[in-house]
Amino acid sequence: MPLTSSDHDHAQVVHVEDSRLDASIAIQFKEDFRNLTDGDADVILDMSQVEFLDSSGLGSIVAVYKAMGPNRAMALAGLQPAVEKVMMLTRMNTVFAIFPTLGDALSAAAAPHAAE
C-alpha cells in the first residue's frame, strides 16, 4: 500500500498514493498507516487520489483511527465524489471531520492554535 507522510505544524498528513482502498490492500493499509503514525500528532488522511472505497477499506480507516487512541484526532481530506458518497451513506461524516481539500484541513488544524 503506497502511503507517504509529511509533518506540518499542527498535524501529520498521510497521503494515500493509490486509486483504490479495498479488500485487496486493507490489511497492508492498516499496517503501513500504524508504522507511519506512531507519534502523538493528529492526523489528516489525504484521500485525494482514492477513487474507490469498499467496506473493507472503510473498515481499515476506522480501525486505524481507533488504534490512534482517544487523545488524537483524524480528519479526511480531498474525497472524490464516489468516496464521499460512501462516507455520507455510512454516516462516517459524523465520525470524521471531512474537508474538500488538504489545504482546508491544514487550515482547520492550525485554527485552534492561532491564539497560542
C-alpha atoms as a PDB file:
ATOM      1  CA  MET A   1       0.000   0.000   0.000  1.00  0.00           C
ATOM      2  CA  PRO A   2       1.696   3.156  -1.082  1.00  0.00           C
ATOM      3  CA  LEU A   3       1.386   5.682   1.748  1.00  0.00           C
ATOM      4  CA  THR A   4       3.573   8.701   2.277  1.00  0.00           C
ATOM      5  CA  SER A   5       3.690  11.050   5.216  1.00  0.00           C
ATOM      6  CA  SER A   6       4.559  14.675   5.783  1.00  0.00           C
ATOM      7  CA  ASP A   7       4.736  16.604   9.036  1.00  0.00           C
ATOM      8  CA  HIS A   8       3.138  20.009   9.383  1.00  0.00           C
ATOM      9  CA  ASP A   9       2.996  22.379  12.335  1.00  0.00           C
ATOM     10  CA  HIS A  10      -0.234  21.044  13.808  1.00  0.00           C
ATOM     11  CA  ALA A  11      -0.830  17.680  12.141  1.00  0.00           C
ATOM     12  CA  GLN A  12       0.779  14.801  10.334  1.00  0.00           C
ATOM     13  CA  VAL A  13      -0.535  14.251   6.825  1.00  0.00           C
ATOM     14  CA  VAL A  14      -0.745  10.716   5.491  1.00  0.00           C
ATOM     15  CA  HIS A  15      -1.201  10.603   1.719  1.00  0.00           C
ATOM     16  CA  VAL A  16      -2.862   7.565   0.142  1.00  0.00           C
ATOM     17  CA  GLU A  17      -0.969   7.083  -3.115  1.00  0.00           C
ATOM     18  CA  ASP A  18      -3.416   4.628  -4.701  1.00  0.00           C
ATOM     19  CA  SER A  19      -6.706   4.931  -6.562  1.00  0.00           C
ATOM     20  CA  ARG A  20      -8.352   2.123  -4.579  1.00  0.00           C
ATOM     21  CA  LEU A  21      -8.708   1.375  -0.895  1.00  0.00           C
ATOM     22  CA  ASP A  22     -10.395  -2.013  -0.901  1.00  0.00           C
ATOM     23  CA  ALA A  23     -10.197  -5.552   0.442  1.00  0.00           C
ATOM     24  CA  SER A  24      -7.070  -6.329  -1.568  1.00  0.00           C
ATOM     25  CA  ILE A  25      -4.992  -3.736   0.294  1.00  0.00           C
ATOM     26  CA  ALA A  26      -6.889  -3.018   3.541  1.00  0.00           C
ATOM     27  CA  ILE A  27      -4.607  -5.099   5.767  1.00  0.00           C
ATOM     28  CA  GLN A  28      -1.462  -3.567   4.283  1.00  0.00           C
ATOM     29  CA  PHE A  29      -3.007  -0.086   4.636  1.00  0.00           C
ATOM     30  CA  LYS A  30      -3.558  -0.635   8.365  1.00  0.00           C
ATOM     31  CA  GLU A  31      -0.016  -1.886   8.901  1.00  0.00           C
ATOM     32  CA  ASP A  32       1.609   0.897   6.895  1.00  0.00           C
ATOM     33  CA  PHE A  33      -0.574   3.580   8.496  1.00  0.00           C
ATOM     34  CA  ARG A  34       0.316   2.415  12.007  1.00  0.00           C
ATOM     35  CA  ASN A  35       4.030   2.389  11.127  1.00  0.00           C
ATOM     36  CA  LEU A  36       3.856   5.957   9.813  1.00  0.00           C
ATOM     37  CA  THR A  37       1.798   7.412  12.671  1.00  0.00           C
ATOM     38  CA  ASP A  38       3.483   6.146  15.815  1.00  0.00           C
ATOM     39  CA  GLY A  39       3.781   9.641  17.322  1.00  0.00           C
ATOM     40  CA  ASP A  40       1.185  11.695  19.128  1.00  0.00           C
ATOM     41  CA  ALA A  41       0.205  14.196  16.409  1.00  0.00           C
ATOM     42  CA  ASP A  42      -3.295  14.493  14.994  1.00  0.00           C
ATOM     43  CA  VAL A  43      -3.573  13.009  11.502  1.00  0.00           C
ATOM     44  CA  ILE A  44      -5.075  14.226   8.253  1.00  0.00           C
ATOM     45  CA  LEU A  45      -5.672  11.395   5.797  1.00  0.00           C
ATOM     46  CA  ASP A  46      -5.288  12.826   2.281  1.00  0.00           C
ATOM     47  CA  MET A  47      -7.514  10.673   0.088  1.00  0.00           C
ATOM     48  CA  SER A  48      -7.461  12.888  -2.997  1.00  0.00           C
ATOM     49  CA  GLN A  49      -6.144  10.062  -5.197  1.00  0.00           C
ATOM     50  CA  VAL A  50      -8.625   7.437  -3.941  1.00  0.00           C
ATOM     51  CA  GLU A  51     -11.399   6.873  -6.478  1.00  0.00           C
ATOM     52  CA  PHE A  52     -12.859   3.681  -4.977  1.00  0.00           C
ATOM     53  CA  LEU A  53     -13.535   2.713  -1.359  1.00  0.00           C
ATOM     54  CA  ASP A  54     -15.273  -0.522  -0.335  1.00  0.00           C
ATOM     55  CA  SER A  55     -16.406  -1.737   3.085  1.00  0.00           C
ATOM     56  CA  SER A  56     -13.022  -3.303   3.826  1.00  0.00           C
ATOM     57  CA  GLY A  57     -11.264  -0.059   3.013  1.00  0.00           C
ATOM     58  CA  LEU A  58     -13.700   1.868   5.171  1.00  0.00           C
ATOM     59  CA  GLY A  59     -13.204  -0.651   7.974  1.00  0.00           C
ATOM     60  CA  SER A  60      -9.445  -0.192   7.760  1.00  0.00           C
ATOM     61  CA  ILE A  61      -9.799   3.594   8.116  1.00  0.00           C
ATOM     62  CA  VAL A  62     -11.996   3.158  11.187  1.00  0.00           C
ATOM     63  CA  ALA A  63      -9.594   0.574  12.651  1.00  0.00           C
ATOM     64  CA  VAL A  64      -6.535   2.816  12.375  1.00  0.00           C
ATOM     65  CA  TYR A  65      -8.497   5.729  13.805  1.00  0.00           C
ATOM     66  CA  LYS A  66      -9.500   3.661  16.843  1.00  0.00           C
ATOM     67  CA  ALA A  67      -5.918   2.408  17.247  1.00  0.00           C
ATOM     68  CA  MET A  68      -4.662   6.011  17.426  1.00  0.00           C
ATOM     69  CA  GLY A  69      -6.293   6.364  20.841  1.00  0.00           C
ATOM     70  CA  PRO A  70      -8.693   8.870  22.356  1.00  0.00           C
ATOM     71  CA  ASN A  71      -6.260  11.798  22.553  1.00  0.00           C
ATOM     72  CA  ARG A  72      -5.651  12.089  18.819  1.00  0.00           C
ATOM     73  CA  ALA A  73      -7.915  13.271  16.031  1.00  0.00           C
ATOM     74  CA  MET A  74      -8.084  12.147  12.423  1.00  0.00           C
ATOM     75  CA  ALA A  75      -9.613  14.182   9.613  1.00  0.00           C
ATOM     76  CA  LEU A  76     -10.175  13.195   5.994  1.00  0.00           C
ATOM     77  CA  ALA A  77      -9.348  15.455   3.063  1.00  0.00           C
ATOM     78  CA  GLY A  78      -9.852  15.532  -0.698  1.00  0.00           C
ATOM     79  CA  LEU A  79     -12.560  12.895  -1.049  1.00  0.00           C
ATOM     80  CA  GLN A  80     -13.517  12.028  -4.604  1.00  0.00           C
ATOM     81  CA  PRO A  81     -17.317  12.011  -5.219  1.00  0.00           C
ATOM     82  CA  ALA A  82     -17.698   8.210  -5.028  1.00  0.00           C
ATOM     83  CA  VAL A  83     -15.686   8.029  -1.805  1.00  0.00           C
ATOM     84  CA  GLU A  84     -17.561  10.956  -0.290  1.00  0.00           C
ATOM     85  CA  LYS A  85     -20.835   9.193  -1.102  1.00  0.00           C
ATOM     86  CA  VAL A  86     -19.691   6.104   0.841  1.00  0.00           C
ATOM     87  CA  MET A  87     -18.791   8.326   3.800  1.00  0.00           C
ATOM     88  CA  MET A  88     -22.193  10.031   3.756  1.00  0.00           C
ATOM     89  CA  LEU A  89     -24.195   6.802   3.305  1.00  0.00           C
ATOM     90  CA  THR A  90     -22.380   5.162   6.220  1.00  0.00           C
ATOM     91  CA  ARG A  91     -22.613   8.361   8.304  1.00  0.00           C
ATOM     92  CA  MET A  92     -18.850   8.445   8.735  1.00  0.00           C
ATOM     93  CA  ASN A  93     -19.154  12.185   8.218  1.00  0.00           C
ATOM     94  CA  THR A  94     -20.382  12.225  11.840  1.00  0.00           C
ATOM     95  CA  VAL A  95     -17.210  10.441  12.985  1.00  0.00           C
ATOM     96  CA  PHE A  96     -14.578  12.252  10.939  1.00  0.00           C
ATOM     97  CA  ALA A  97     -14.139  15.893  10.043  1.00  0.00           C
ATOM     98  CA  ILE A  98     -14.159  15.898   6.242  1.00  0.00           C
ATOM     99  CA  PHE A  99     -12.546  18.694   4.239  1.00  0.00           C
ATOM    100  CA  PRO A 100     -12.775  19.344   0.486  1.00  0.00           C
ATOM    101  CA  THR A 101      -9.024  19.883   0.168  1.00  0.00           C
ATOM    102  CA  LEU A 102      -5.857  19.172   2.090  1.00  0.00           C
ATOM    103  CA  GLY A 103      -5.308  22.927   2.382  1.00  0.00           C
ATOM    104  CA  ASP A 104      -8.677  23.319   4.097  1.00  0.00           C
ATOM    105  CA  ALA A 105      -7.836  20.530   6.548  1.00  0.00           C
ATOM    106  CA  LEU A 106      -4.444  22.062   7.353  1.00  0.00           C
ATOM    107  CA  SER A 107      -6.044  25.472   7.929  1.00  0.00           C
ATOM    108  CA  ALA A 108      -8.582  23.926  10.303  1.00  0.00           C
ATOM    109  CA  ALA A 109      -5.828  22.074  12.174  1.00  0.00           C
ATOM    110  CA  ALA A 110      -3.920  25.328  12.651  1.00  0.00           C
ATOM    111  CA  ALA A 111      -7.000  27.372  13.702  1.00  0.00           C
ATOM    112  CA  PRO A 112      -7.199  26.151  17.329  1.00  0.00           C
ATOM    113  CA  HIS A 113      -3.521  27.030  17.730  1.00  0.00           C
ATOM    114  CA  ALA A 114      -3.781  30.543  16.293  1.00  0.00           C
ATOM    115  CA  ALA A 115      -4.362  32.108  19.714  1.00  0.00           C
ATOM    116  CA  GLU A 116      -1.297  30.443  21.245  1.00  0.00           C
END
